[in-house]
């Protein structure tokens, strides 16, 4: 089963449309930024180098576009279920930081993950942040990470 919001991407990949469009996407800052709206609240503020770092390796060549399309077509929520037994044995102190504005992974998933990992010491949230918040909201993320690292040295 594919995550709901990713289904259009997976379908485009299965139909061959994603691989075909890849080089055109990589050549257009507008298309690249549109693709980053799920992960960033303000993708237009990202420096060109950051945007290019996301898209160049993925869509920069026809070969990389085809490889990403194969990956996108194969992604399944069953992948997380497959690692559930290993996560249930993870006893190291674990910090879970979740953006409350994530479009793919709602906040309830943070608690599910915390319930699954016995080493979870903290579940923290970054208000309104999306998936790539450590990049976009580092000023809020880094203190949480530092506090966790100091507490569990």
Foldseek 3Di string as FASTA:
>chain_A
DAQPVLVVLLVCLVVVNQLVCLCVCLVDPVSLLVVCVLQFVCSVPDDPVVSNVVRCQQRVDSVSSNVVSVVSNPDDPVVVVVCLVVQQVAQAQDEAEEECQRPRDHPVVLVVSPVSHNNHDYYHYDYNHYNPCCVVPVVVVVVVVVVSVVVRD
